[in-house]
Amino acid sequence: MNINQKRIQLFEQDLRSTFDLMKLVIEDESYLHAGHTGAASGGGHFKVTLCAAEFKGLSLVSRHRAVYAALQKYIPSEIHALTINALDPSEA
Protein backbone atom coordinates (compact mmCIF):
# COMPACT_ATOMS: atom_id res chain seq x y z
CA MET A 1 0.00 0.00 0.00
CA ASN A 2 1.48 3.35 -1.02
CA ILE A 3 1.28 6.59 0.95
CA ASN A 4 -1.69 7.96 -0.99
CA GLN A 5 -3.67 4.75 -0.49
CA LYS A 6 -3.07 5.15 3.26
CA ARG A 7 -4.14 8.78 3.04
CA ILE A 8 -7.33 7.81 1.24
CA GLN A 9 -8.20 5.37 4.05
CA LEU A 10 -7.80 8.17 6.60
CA PHE A 11 -9.85 10.61 4.52
CA GLU A 12 -12.58 7.99 4.14
CA GLN A 13 -12.73 7.39 7.90
CA ASP A 14 -13.11 11.09 8.63
CA LEU A 15 -15.68 11.70 5.90
CA ARG A 16 -17.75 8.68 7.03
CA SER A 17 -17.67 9.88 10.64
CA THR A 18 -18.77 13.39 9.59
CA PHE A 19 -21.47 12.61 7.02
CA ASP A 20 -24.13 9.94 6.59
CA LEU A 21 -22.81 8.95 3.19
CA MET A 22 -24.81 7.22 0.50
CA LYS A 23 -21.83 7.32 -1.85
CA LEU A 24 -18.14 8.01 -1.47
CA VAL A 25 -15.42 7.80 -4.09
CA ILE A 26 -11.93 9.16 -3.43
CA GLU A 27 -9.54 9.22 -6.35
CA ASP A 28 -5.81 9.88 -6.25
CA GLU A 29 -5.03 12.28 -9.08
CA SER A 30 -1.49 13.03 -7.96
CA TYR A 31 -0.01 11.39 -11.05
CA LEU A 32 -1.66 14.09 -13.16
CA HIS A 33 0.39 16.71 -11.34
CA ALA A 34 3.84 15.12 -11.37
CA GLY A 35 6.43 17.86 -11.59
CA HIS A 36 3.92 20.49 -10.43
CA THR A 37 5.43 22.89 -7.90
CA GLY A 38 2.83 22.00 -5.28
CA ALA A 39 3.59 18.30 -5.62
CA ALA A 40 7.05 18.95 -4.21
CA SER A 41 5.52 19.57 -0.76
CA GLY A 42 4.48 15.92 -0.53
CA GLY A 43 0.76 16.62 -0.41
CA GLY A 44 -1.37 14.74 -2.91
CA HIS A 45 -4.03 15.79 -5.38
CA PHE A 46 -7.37 14.09 -4.76
CA LYS A 47 -10.88 14.06 -6.17
CA VAL A 48 -13.77 13.35 -3.80
CA THR A 49 -17.30 12.50 -4.94
CA LEU A 50 -19.79 12.09 -2.14
CA CYS A 51 -23.52 12.02 -1.64
CA ALA A 52 -25.07 12.83 1.73
CA ALA A 53 -28.41 14.08 3.03
CA GLU A 54 -26.52 16.78 4.95
CA PHE A 55 -25.94 18.60 1.63
CA LYS A 56 -29.65 19.04 0.91
CA GLY A 57 -30.48 22.74 0.73
CA LEU A 58 -26.84 23.83 0.98
CA SER A 59 -25.15 25.97 -1.63
CA LEU A 60 -22.16 24.61 -3.49
CA VAL A 61 -19.86 26.80 -1.40
CA SER A 62 -21.41 25.53 1.86
CA ARG A 63 -21.00 21.93 0.74
CA HIS A 64 -17.35 22.51 -0.09
CA ARG A 65 -16.78 24.22 3.24
CA ALA A 66 -18.28 21.22 5.03
CA VAL A 67 -15.97 18.80 3.20
CA TYR A 68 -12.93 21.02 3.82
CA ALA A 69 -13.86 21.19 7.51
CA ALA A 70 -14.02 17.38 7.70
CA LEU A 71 -10.57 17.07 6.09
CA GLN A 72 -8.97 20.20 7.57
CA LYS A 73 -6.29 18.36 9.53
CA TYR A 74 -4.86 16.98 6.27
CA ILE A 75 -4.53 20.32 4.47
CA PRO A 76 -1.85 21.19 3.29
CA SER A 77 0.41 18.42 4.56
CA GLU A 78 -1.46 15.42 3.10
CA ILE A 79 -3.77 17.18 0.64
CA HIS A 80 -2.29 19.79 -1.66
CA ALA A 81 -5.30 20.01 -3.98
CA LEU A 82 -8.85 18.73 -3.65
CA THR A 83 -11.61 18.51 -6.25
CA ILE A 84 -15.03 18.13 -4.62
CA ASN A 85 -18.28 16.87 -6.11
CA ALA A 86 -20.76 16.99 -3.21
CA LEU A 87 -24.33 15.89 -3.99
CA ASP A 88 -27.52 15.54 -2.04
CA PRO A 89 -29.53 12.32 -2.61
CA SER A 90 -31.89 13.95 -5.13
CA GLU A 91 -28.89 14.83 -7.32
CA ALA A 92 -27.20 11.43 -7.29
PDB file of N, CA and C in Angstrom:
ATOM      1  N   MET A   1       0.851  -1.180   0.000  1.00  0.00           N
ATOM      2  CA  MET A   1       0.000   0.000   0.000  1.00  0.00           C
ATOM      3  C   MET A   1       0.896   1.242   0.000  1.00  0.00           C
ATOM      4  N   ASN A   2       0.657   2.146  -0.972  1.00  0.00           N
ATOM      5  CA  ASN A   2       1.484   3.346  -1.023  1.00  0.00           C
ATOM      6  C   ASN A   2       0.922   4.432  -0.106  1.00  0.00           C
ATOM      7  N   ILE A   3       1.653   5.525   0.001  1.00  0.00           N
ATOM      8  CA  ILE A   3       1.281   6.585   0.947  1.00  0.00           C
ATOM      9  C   ILE A   3      -0.084   7.194   0.621  1.00  0.00           C
ATOM     10  N   ASN A   4      -0.398   7.363  -0.665  1.00  0.00           N
ATOM     11  CA  ASN A   4      -1.687   7.965  -0.994  1.00  0.00           C
ATOM     12  C   ASN A   4      -2.847   7.009  -0.741  1.00  0.00           C
ATOM     13  N   GLN A   5      -2.627   5.716  -0.850  1.00  0.00           N
ATOM     14  CA  GLN A   5      -3.674   4.753  -0.487  1.00  0.00           C
ATOM     15  C   GLN A   5      -3.951   4.823   1.007  1.00  0.00           C
ATOM     16  N   LYS A   6      -2.895   4.992   1.815  1.00  0.00           N
ATOM     17  CA  LYS A   6      -3.073   5.148   3.262  1.00  0.00           C
ATOM     18  C   LYS A   6      -3.816   6.439   3.569  1.00  0.00           C
ATOM     19  N   ARG A   7      -3.451   7.497   2.848  1.00  0.00           N
ATOM     20  CA  ARG A   7      -4.137   8.775   3.043  1.00  0.00           C
ATOM     21  C   ARG A   7      -5.620   8.636   2.727  1.00  0.00           C
ATOM     22  N   ILE A   8      -5.934   7.978   1.640  1.00  0.00           N
ATOM     23  CA  ILE A   8      -7.333   7.807   1.241  1.00  0.00           C
ATOM     24  C   ILE A   8      -8.117   7.083   2.323  1.00  0.00           C
ATOM     25  N   GLN A   9      -7.524   6.082   2.946  1.00  0.00           N
ATOM     26  CA  GLN A   9      -8.196   5.374   4.045  1.00  0.00           C
ATOM     27  C   GLN A   9      -8.518   6.334   5.192  1.00  0.00           C
ATOM     28  N   LEU A  10      -7.572   7.204   5.529  1.00  0.00           N
ATOM     29  CA  LEU A  10      -7.797   8.175   6.605  1.00  0.00           C
ATOM     30  C   LEU A  10      -8.889   9.174   6.220  1.00  0.00           C
ATOM     31  N   PHE A  11      -8.837   9.663   4.977  1.00  0.00           N
ATOM     32  CA  PHE A  11      -9.853  10.609   4.518  1.00  0.00           C
ATOM     33  C   PHE A  11     -11.233   9.958   4.583  1.00  0.00           C
ATOM     34  N   GLU A  12     -11.303   8.709   4.144  1.00  0.00           N
ATOM     35  CA  GLU A  12     -12.580   7.992   4.142  1.00  0.00           C
ATOM     36  C   GLU A  12     -13.134   7.860   5.563  1.00  0.00           C
ATOM     37  N   GLN A  13     -12.281   7.520   6.506  1.00  0.00           N
ATOM     38  CA  GLN A  13     -12.731   7.386   7.896  1.00  0.00           C
ATOM     39  C   GLN A  13     -13.328   8.702   8.396  1.00  0.00           C
ATOM     40  N   ASP A  14     -12.639   9.797   8.138  1.00  0.00           N
ATOM     41  CA  ASP A  14     -13.113  11.089   8.633  1.00  0.00           C
ATOM     42  C   ASP A  14     -14.385  11.544   7.921  1.00  0.00           C
ATOM     43  N   LEU A  15     -14.468  11.313   6.627  1.00  0.00           N
ATOM     44  CA  LEU A  15     -15.685  11.696   5.905  1.00  0.00           C
ATOM     45  C   LEU A  15     -16.872  10.851   6.346  1.00  0.00           C
ATOM     46  N   ARG A  16     -16.652   9.554   6.574  1.00  0.00           N
ATOM     47  CA  ARG A  16     -17.749   8.683   7.031  1.00  0.00           C
ATOM     48  C   ARG A  16     -18.194   9.027   8.446  1.00  0.00           C
ATOM     49  N   SER A  17     -17.277   9.507   9.274  1.00  0.00           N
ATOM     50  CA  SER A  17     -17.666   9.877  10.641  1.00  0.00           C
ATOM     51  C   SER A  17     -18.348  11.246  10.686  1.00  0.00           C
ATOM     52  N   THR A  18     -18.170  12.054   9.644  1.00  0.00           N
ATOM     53  CA  THR A  18     -18.767  13.385   9.589  1.00  0.00           C
ATOM     54  C   THR A  18     -20.123  13.389   8.895  1.00  0.00           C
ATOM     55  N   PHE A  19     -20.248  12.610   7.834  1.00  0.00           N
ATOM     56  CA  PHE A  19     -21.470  12.609   7.021  1.00  0.00           C
ATOM     57  C   PHE A  19     -22.093  11.218   6.989  1.00  0.00           C
ATOM     58  N   ASP A  20     -23.411  11.193   6.807  1.00  0.00           N
ATOM     59  CA  ASP A  20     -24.126   9.937   6.590  1.00  0.00           C
ATOM     60  C   ASP A  20     -24.114   9.695   5.087  1.00  0.00           C
ATOM     61  N   LEU A  21     -23.076   9.043   4.620  1.00  0.00           N
ATOM     62  CA  LEU A  21     -22.807   8.947   3.190  1.00  0.00           C
ATOM     63  C   LEU A  21     -23.590   7.840   2.500  1.00  0.00           C
ATOM     64  N   MET A  22     -24.162   8.198   1.373  1.00  0.00           N
ATOM     65  CA  MET A  22     -24.806   7.216   0.504  1.00  0.00           C
ATOM     66  C   MET A  22     -23.818   6.761  -0.563  1.00  0.00           C
ATOM     67  N   LYS A  23     -22.851   7.612  -0.842  1.00  0.00           N
ATOM     68  CA  LYS A  23     -21.833   7.319  -1.848  1.00  0.00           C
ATOM     69  C   LYS A  23     -20.557   8.045  -1.467  1.00  0.00           C
ATOM     70  N   LEU A  24     -19.430   7.371  -1.669  1.00  0.00           N
ATOM     71  CA  LEU A  24     -18.135   8.008  -1.467  1.00  0.00           C
ATOM     72  C   LEU A  24     -17.122   7.380  -2.409  1.00  0.00           C
ATOM     73  N   VAL A  25     -16.504   8.227  -3.208  1.00  0.00           N
ATOM     74  CA  VAL A  25     -15.418   7.799  -4.086  1.00  0.00           C
ATOM     75  C   VAL A  25     -14.295   8.804  -3.907  1.00  0.00           C
ATOM     76  N   ILE A  26     -13.106   8.305  -3.565  1.00  0.00           N
ATOM     77  CA  ILE A  26     -11.934   9.162  -3.434  1.00  0.00           C
ATOM     78  C   ILE A  26     -10.910   8.673  -4.438  1.00  0.00           C
ATOM     79  N   GLU A  27     -10.495   9.577  -5.314  1.00  0.00           N
ATOM     80  CA  GLU A  27      -9.538   9.221  -6.349  1.00  0.00           C
ATOM     81  C   GLU A  27      -8.232   9.975  -6.138  1.00  0.00           C
ATOM     82  N   ASP A  28      -7.135   9.269  -6.312  1.00  0.00           N
ATOM     83  CA  ASP A  28      -5.809   9.876  -6.247  1.00  0.00           C
ATOM     84  C   ASP A  28      -5.457  10.375  -7.643  1.00  0.00           C
ATOM     85  N   GLU A  29      -5.386  11.684  -7.799  1.00  0.00           N
ATOM     86  CA  GLU A  29      -5.034  12.276  -9.082  1.00  0.00           C
ATOM     87  C   GLU A  29      -3.629  12.878  -9.067  1.00  0.00           C
ATOM     88  N   SER A  30      -2.835  12.469  -8.113  1.00  0.00           N
ATOM     89  CA  SER A  30      -1.492  13.032  -7.963  1.00  0.00           C
ATOM     90  C   SER A  30      -0.632  12.820  -9.199  1.00  0.00           C
ATOM     91  N   TYR A  31      -0.808  11.693  -9.863  1.00  0.00           N
ATOM     92  CA  TYR A  31      -0.007  11.390 -11.048  1.00  0.00           C
ATOM     93  C   TYR A  31      -0.228  12.420 -12.156  1.00  0.00           C
ATOM     94  N   LEU A  32      -1.374  13.072 -12.154  1.00  0.00           N
ATOM     95  CA  LEU A  32      -1.657  14.088 -13.161  1.00  0.00           C
ATOM     96  C   LEU A  32      -0.865  15.370 -12.923  1.00  0.00           C
ATOM     97  N   HIS A  33      -0.288  15.481 -11.735  1.00  0.00           N
ATOM     98  CA  HIS A  33       0.389  16.711 -11.341  1.00  0.00           C
ATOM     99  C   HIS A  33       1.872  16.494 -11.068  1.00  0.00           C
ATOM    100  N   ALA A  34       2.408  15.398 -11.557  1.00  0.00           N
ATOM    101  CA  ALA A  34       3.840  15.120 -11.365  1.00  0.00           C
ATOM    102  C   ALA A  34       4.641  16.279 -11.938  1.00  0.00           C
ATOM    103  N   GLY A  35       5.601  16.750 -11.168  1.00  0.00           N
ATOM    104  CA  GLY A  35       6.431  17.860 -11.590  1.00  0.00           C
ATOM    105  C   GLY A  35       5.840  19.220 -11.253  1.00  0.00           C
ATOM    106  N   HIS A  36       4.586  19.251 -10.845  1.00  0.00           N
ATOM    107  CA  HIS A  36       3.923  20.489 -10.433  1.00  0.00           C
ATOM    108  C   HIS A  36       4.596  21.009  -9.166  1.00  0.00           C
ATOM    109  N   THR A  37       4.761  22.298  -9.044  1.00  0.00           N
ATOM    110  CA  THR A  37       5.435  22.895  -7.895  1.00  0.00           C
ATOM    111  C   THR A  37       4.821  22.443  -6.572  1.00  0.00           C
ATOM    112  N   GLY A  38       3.505  22.405  -6.507  1.00  0.00           N
ATOM    113  CA  GLY A  38       2.828  21.999  -5.276  1.00  0.00           C
ATOM    114  C   GLY A  38       3.071  20.563  -4.902  1.00  0.00           C
ATOM    115  N   ALA A  39       3.344  19.715  -5.891  1.00  0.00           N
ATOM    116  CA  ALA A  39       3.590  18.301  -5.625  1.00  0.00           C
ATOM    117  C   ALA A  39       4.879  18.101  -4.842  1.00  0.00           C
ATOM    118  N   ALA A  40       5.771  19.057  -4.920  1.00  0.00           N
ATOM    119  CA  ALA A  40       7.046  18.949  -4.212  1.00  0.00           C
ATOM    120  C   ALA A  40       6.870  18.964  -2.697  1.00  0.00           C
ATOM    121  N   SER A  41       5.766  19.499  -2.210  1.00  0.00           N
ATOM    122  CA  SER A  41       5.525  19.568  -0.762  1.00  0.00           C
ATOM    123  C   SER A  41       5.193  18.206  -0.168  1.00  0.00           C
ATOM    124  N   GLY A  42       4.832  17.251  -1.027  1.00  0.00           N
ATOM    125  CA  GLY A  42       4.480  15.923  -0.531  1.00  0.00           C
ATOM    126  C   GLY A  42       2.993  15.692  -0.412  1.00  0.00           C
ATOM    127  N   GLY A  43       2.206  16.764  -0.460  1.00  0.00           N
ATOM    128  CA  GLY A  43       0.762  16.624  -0.413  1.00  0.00           C
ATOM    129  C   GLY A  43       0.232  16.119  -1.737  1.00  0.00           C
ATOM    130  N   GLY A  44      -0.817  15.312  -1.693  1.00  0.00           N
ATOM    131  CA  GLY A  44      -1.372  14.739  -2.906  1.00  0.00           C
ATOM    132  C   GLY A  44      -2.513  15.562  -3.484  1.00  0.00           C
ATOM    133  N   HIS A  45      -2.887  15.196  -4.689  1.00  0.00           N
ATOM    134  CA  HIS A  45      -4.028  15.786  -5.383  1.00  0.00           C
ATOM    135  C   HIS A  45      -5.129  14.722  -5.412  1.00  0.00           C
ATOM    136  N   PHE A  46      -6.294  15.062  -4.878  1.00  0.00           N
ATOM    137  CA  PHE A  46      -7.367  14.088  -4.759  1.00  0.00           C
ATOM    138  C   PHE A  46      -8.679  14.646  -5.295  1.00  0.00           C
ATOM    139  N   LYS A  47      -9.534  13.731  -5.730  1.00  0.00           N
ATOM    140  CA  LYS A  47     -10.885  14.065  -6.174  1.00  0.00           C
ATOM    141  C   LYS A  47     -11.854  13.269  -5.305  1.00  0.00           C
ATOM    142  N   VAL A  48     -12.798  13.974  -4.694  1.00  0.00           N
ATOM    143  CA  VAL A  48     -13.770  13.347  -3.805  1.00  0.00           C
ATOM    144  C   VAL A  48     -15.175  13.552  -4.385  1.00  0.00           C
ATOM    145  N   THR A  49     -15.894  12.455  -4.552  1.00  0.00           N
ATOM    146  CA  THR A  49     -17.298  12.505  -4.942  1.00  0.00           C
ATOM    147  C   THR A  49     -18.078  11.869  -3.802  1.00  0.00           C
ATOM    148  N   LEU A  50     -19.024  12.619  -3.255  1.00  0.00           N
ATOM    149  CA  LEU A  50     -19.791  12.092  -2.143  1.00  0.00           C
ATOM    150  C   LEU A  50     -21.232  12.561  -2.210  1.00  0.00           C
ATOM    151  N   CYS A  51     -22.092  11.734  -1.672  1.00  0.00           N
ATOM    152  CA  CYS A  51     -23.523  12.023  -1.636  1.00  0.00           C
ATOM    153  C   CYS A  51     -23.995  11.837  -0.197  1.00  0.00           C
ATOM    154  N   ALA A  52     -24.609  12.883   0.344  1.00  0.00           N
ATOM    155  CA  ALA A  52     -25.075  12.827   1.731  1.00  0.00           C
ATOM    156  C   ALA A  52     -26.292  13.726   1.904  1.00  0.00           C
ATOM    157  N   ALA A  53     -27.203  13.303   2.748  1.00  0.00           N
ATOM    158  CA  ALA A  53     -28.408  14.083   3.032  1.00  0.00           C
ATOM    159  C   ALA A  53     -28.059  15.437   3.642  1.00  0.00           C
ATOM    160  N   GLU A  54     -26.929  15.519   4.314  1.00  0.00           N
ATOM    161  CA  GLU A  54     -26.515  16.778   4.947  1.00  0.00           C
ATOM    162  C   GLU A  54     -26.326  17.911   3.932  1.00  0.00           C
ATOM    163  N   PHE A  55     -26.158  17.581   2.657  1.00  0.00           N
ATOM    164  CA  PHE A  55     -25.936  18.598   1.633  1.00  0.00           C
ATOM    165  C   PHE A  55     -27.237  19.183   1.077  1.00  0.00           C
ATOM    166  N   LYS A  56     -28.360  18.565   1.418  1.00  0.00           N
ATOM    167  CA  LYS A  56     -29.649  19.037   0.906  1.00  0.00           C
ATOM    168  C   LYS A  56     -29.890  20.480   1.369  1.00  0.00           C
ATOM    169  N   GLY A  57     -30.195  21.338   0.420  1.00  0.00           N
ATOM    170  CA  GLY A  57     -30.484  22.736   0.731  1.00  0.00           C
ATOM    171  C   GLY A  57     -29.259  23.616   0.897  1.00  0.00           C
ATOM    172  N   LEU A  58     -28.062  23.036   0.836  1.00  0.00           N
ATOM    173  CA  LEU A  58     -26.838  23.830   0.983  1.00  0.00           C
ATOM    174  C   LEU A  58     -26.347  24.295  -0.381  1.00  0.00           C
ATOM    175  N   SER A  59     -25.771  25.470  -0.398  1.00  0.00           N
ATOM    176  CA  SER A  59     -25.152  25.970  -1.630  1.00  0.00           C
ATOM    177  C   SER A  59     -23.888  25.166  -1.909  1.00  0.00           C
ATOM    178  N   LEU A  60     -23.387  25.285  -3.119  1.00  0.00           N
ATOM    179  CA  LEU A  60     -22.155  24.611  -3.495  1.00  0.00           C
ATOM    180  C   LEU A  60     -21.005  25.024  -2.575  1.00  0.00           C
ATOM    181  N   VAL A  61     -20.921  26.292  -2.281  1.00  0.00           N
ATOM    182  CA  VAL A  61     -19.860  26.798  -1.396  1.00  0.00           C
ATOM    183  C   VAL A  61     -19.984  26.189   0.000  1.00  0.00           C
ATOM    184  N   SER A  62     -21.196  26.114   0.524  1.00  0.00           N
ATOM    185  CA  SER A  62     -21.405  25.534   1.858  1.00  0.00           C
ATOM    186  C   SER A  62     -21.053  24.057   1.889  1.00  0.00           C
ATOM    187  N   ARG A  63     -21.362  23.349   0.821  1.00  0.00           N
ATOM    188  CA  ARG A  63     -21.004  21.927   0.737  1.00  0.00           C
ATOM    189  C   ARG A  63     -19.490  21.759   0.744  1.00  0.00           C
ATOM    190  N   HIS A  64     -18.810  22.580  -0.051  1.00  0.00           N
ATOM    191  CA  HIS A  64     -17.353  22.506  -0.094  1.00  0.00           C
ATOM    192  C   HIS A  64     -16.747  22.847   1.261  1.00  0.00           C
ATOM    193  N   ARG A  65     -17.277  23.855   1.910  1.00  0.00           N
ATOM    194  CA  ARG A  65     -16.779  24.219   3.242  1.00  0.00           C
ATOM    195  C   ARG A  65     -16.940  23.055   4.224  1.00  0.00           C
ATOM    196  N   ALA A  66     -18.049  22.351   4.140  1.00  0.00           N
ATOM    197  CA  ALA A  66     -18.283  21.216   5.031  1.00  0.00           C
ATOM    198  C   ALA A  66     -17.266  20.100   4.786  1.00  0.00           C
ATOM    199  N   VAL A  67     -16.962  19.837   3.530  1.00  0.00           N
ATOM    200  CA  VAL A  67     -15.969  18.802   3.201  1.00  0.00           C
ATOM    201  C   VAL A  67     -14.588  19.250   3.651  1.00  0.00           C
ATOM    202  N   TYR A  68     -14.237  20.507   3.371  1.00  0.00           N
ATOM    203  CA  TYR A  68     -12.935  21.021   3.817  1.00  0.00           C
ATOM    204  C   TYR A  68     -12.815  20.956   5.342  1.00  0.00           C
ATOM    205  N   ALA A  69     -13.886  21.255   6.049  1.00  0.00           N
ATOM    206  CA  ALA A  69     -13.855  21.188   7.515  1.00  0.00           C
ATOM    207  C   ALA A  69     -13.593  19.756   7.987  1.00  0.00           C
ATOM    208  N   ALA A  70     -14.204  18.784   7.318  1.00  0.00           N
ATOM    209  CA  ALA A  70     -14.020  17.381   7.701  1.00  0.00           C
ATOM    210  C   ALA A  70     -12.591  16.905   7.448  1.00  0.00           C
ATOM    211  N   LEU A  71     -11.924  17.509   6.466  1.00  0.00           N
ATOM    212  CA  LEU A  71     -10.568  17.070   6.089  1.00  0.00           C
ATOM    213  C   LEU A  71      -9.490  18.091   6.467  1.00  0.00           C
ATOM    214  N   GLN A  72      -9.861  19.079   7.239  1.00  0.00           N
ATOM    215  CA  GLN A  72      -8.971  20.197   7.574  1.00  0.00           C
ATOM    216  C   GLN A  72      -7.607  19.773   8.101  1.00  0.00           C
ATOM    217  N   LYS A  73      -7.567  18.752   8.927  1.00  0.00           N
ATOM    218  CA  LYS A  73      -6.291  18.361   9.534  1.00  0.00           C
ATOM    219  C   LYS A  73      -5.291  17.814   8.522  1.00  0.00           C
ATOM    220  N   TYR A  74      -5.742  17.526   7.305  1.00  0.00           N
ATOM    221  CA  TYR A  74      -4.855  16.979   6.274  1.00  0.00           C
ATOM    222  C   TYR A  74      -4.354  18.039   5.284  1.00  0.00           C
ATOM    223  N   ILE A  75      -4.871  19.253   5.416  1.00  0.00           N
ATOM    224  CA  ILE A  75      -4.528  20.319   4.473  1.00  0.00           C
ATOM    225  C   ILE A  75      -3.529  21.251   5.152  1.00  0.00           C
ATOM    226  N   PRO A  76      -2.388  21.554   4.591  1.00  0.00           N
ATOM    227  CA  PRO A  76      -1.852  21.195   3.285  1.00  0.00           C
ATOM    228  C   PRO A  76      -0.862  20.031   3.310  1.00  0.00           C
ATOM    229  N   SER A  77      -0.640  19.440   4.470  1.00  0.00           N
ATOM    230  CA  SER A  77       0.413  18.417   4.561  1.00  0.00           C
ATOM    231  C   SER A  77       0.126  17.159   3.752  1.00  0.00           C
ATOM    232  N   GLU A  78      -1.100  16.654   3.804  1.00  0.00           N
ATOM    233  CA  GLU A  78      -1.461  15.419   3.102  1.00  0.00           C
ATOM    234  C   GLU A  78      -2.237  15.690   1.812  1.00  0.00           C
ATOM    235  N   ILE A  79      -2.983  16.789   1.814  1.00  0.00           N
ATOM    236  CA  ILE A  79      -3.772  17.179   0.641  1.00  0.00           C
ATOM    237  C   ILE A  79      -3.254  18.523   0.152  1.00  0.00           C
ATOM    238  N   HIS A  80      -2.712  18.526  -1.044  1.00  0.00           N
ATOM    239  CA  HIS A  80      -2.291  19.790  -1.658  1.00  0.00           C
ATOM    240  C   HIS A  80      -3.435  20.394  -2.468  1.00  0.00           C
ATOM    241  N   ALA A  81      -4.176  19.539  -3.157  1.00  0.00           N
ATOM    242  CA  ALA A  81      -5.299  20.006  -3.979  1.00  0.00           C
ATOM    243  C   ALA A  81      -6.455  19.020  -3.851  1.00  0.00           C
ATOM    244  N   LEU A  82      -7.671  19.560  -3.846  1.00  0.00           N
ATOM    245  CA  LEU A  82      -8.849  18.730  -3.655  1.00  0.00           C
ATOM    246  C   LEU A  82      -9.966  19.192  -4.585  1.00  0.00           C
ATOM    247  N   THR A  83     -10.436  18.274  -5.401  1.00  0.00           N
ATOM    248  CA  THR A  83     -11.605  18.511  -6.245  1.00  0.00           C
ATOM    249  C   THR A  83     -12.793  17.853  -5.543  1.00  0.00           C
ATOM    250  N   ILE A  84     -13.872  18.621  -5.372  1.00  0.00           N
ATOM    251  CA  ILE A  84     -15.033  18.134  -4.618  1.00  0.00           C
ATOM    252  C   ILE A  84     -16.274  18.127  -5.489  1.00  0.00           C
ATOM    253  N   ASN A  85     -16.969  16.998  -5.484  1.00  0.00           N
ATOM    254  CA  ASN A  85     -18.280  16.871  -6.110  1.00  0.00           C
ATOM    255  C   ASN A  85     -19.214  16.380  -5.013  1.00  0.00           C
ATOM    256  N   ALA A  86     -19.909  17.305  -4.342  1.00  0.00           N
ATOM    257  CA  ALA A  86     -20.764  16.986  -3.209  1.00  0.00           C
ATOM    258  C   ALA A  86     -22.226  17.094  -3.620  1.00  0.00           C
ATOM    259  N   LEU A  87     -22.937  15.988  -3.527  1.00  0.00           N
ATOM    260  CA  LEU A  87     -24.326  15.895  -3.989  1.00  0.00           C
ATOM    261  C   LEU A  87     -25.266  15.557  -2.843  1.00  0.00           C
ATOM    262  N   ASP A  88     -26.511  16.037  -2.965  1.00  0.00           N
ATOM    263  CA  ASP A  88     -27.520  15.543  -2.039  1.00  0.00           C
ATOM    264  C   ASP A  88     -28.221  14.370  -2.737  1.00  0.00           C
ATOM    265  N   PRO A  89     -28.962  13.538  -2.012  1.00  0.00           N
ATOM    266  CA  PRO A  89     -29.529  12.324  -2.608  1.00  0.00           C
ATOM    267  C   PRO A  89     -30.385  12.567  -3.856  1.00  0.00           C
ATOM    268  N   SER A  90     -31.059  13.682  -3.956  1.00  0.00           N
ATOM    269  CA  SER A  90     -31.887  13.948  -5.134  1.00  0.00           C
ATOM    270  C   SER A  90     -31.056  14.223  -6.385  1.00  0.00           C
ATOM    271  N   GLU A  91     -29.776  14.515  -6.204  1.00  0.00           N
ATOM    272  CA  GLU A  91     -28.892  14.825  -7.324  1.00  0.00           C
ATOM    273  C   GLU A  91     -28.057  13.626  -7.782  1.00  0.00           C
ATOM    274  N   ALA A  92     -28.059  12.586  -6.990  1.00  0.00           N
ATOM    275  CA  ALA A  92     -27.198  11.430  -7.287  1.00  0.00           C
ATOM    276  C   ALA A  92     -27.766  10.572  -8.397  1.00  0.00           C
TER     277      ALA A  92
END
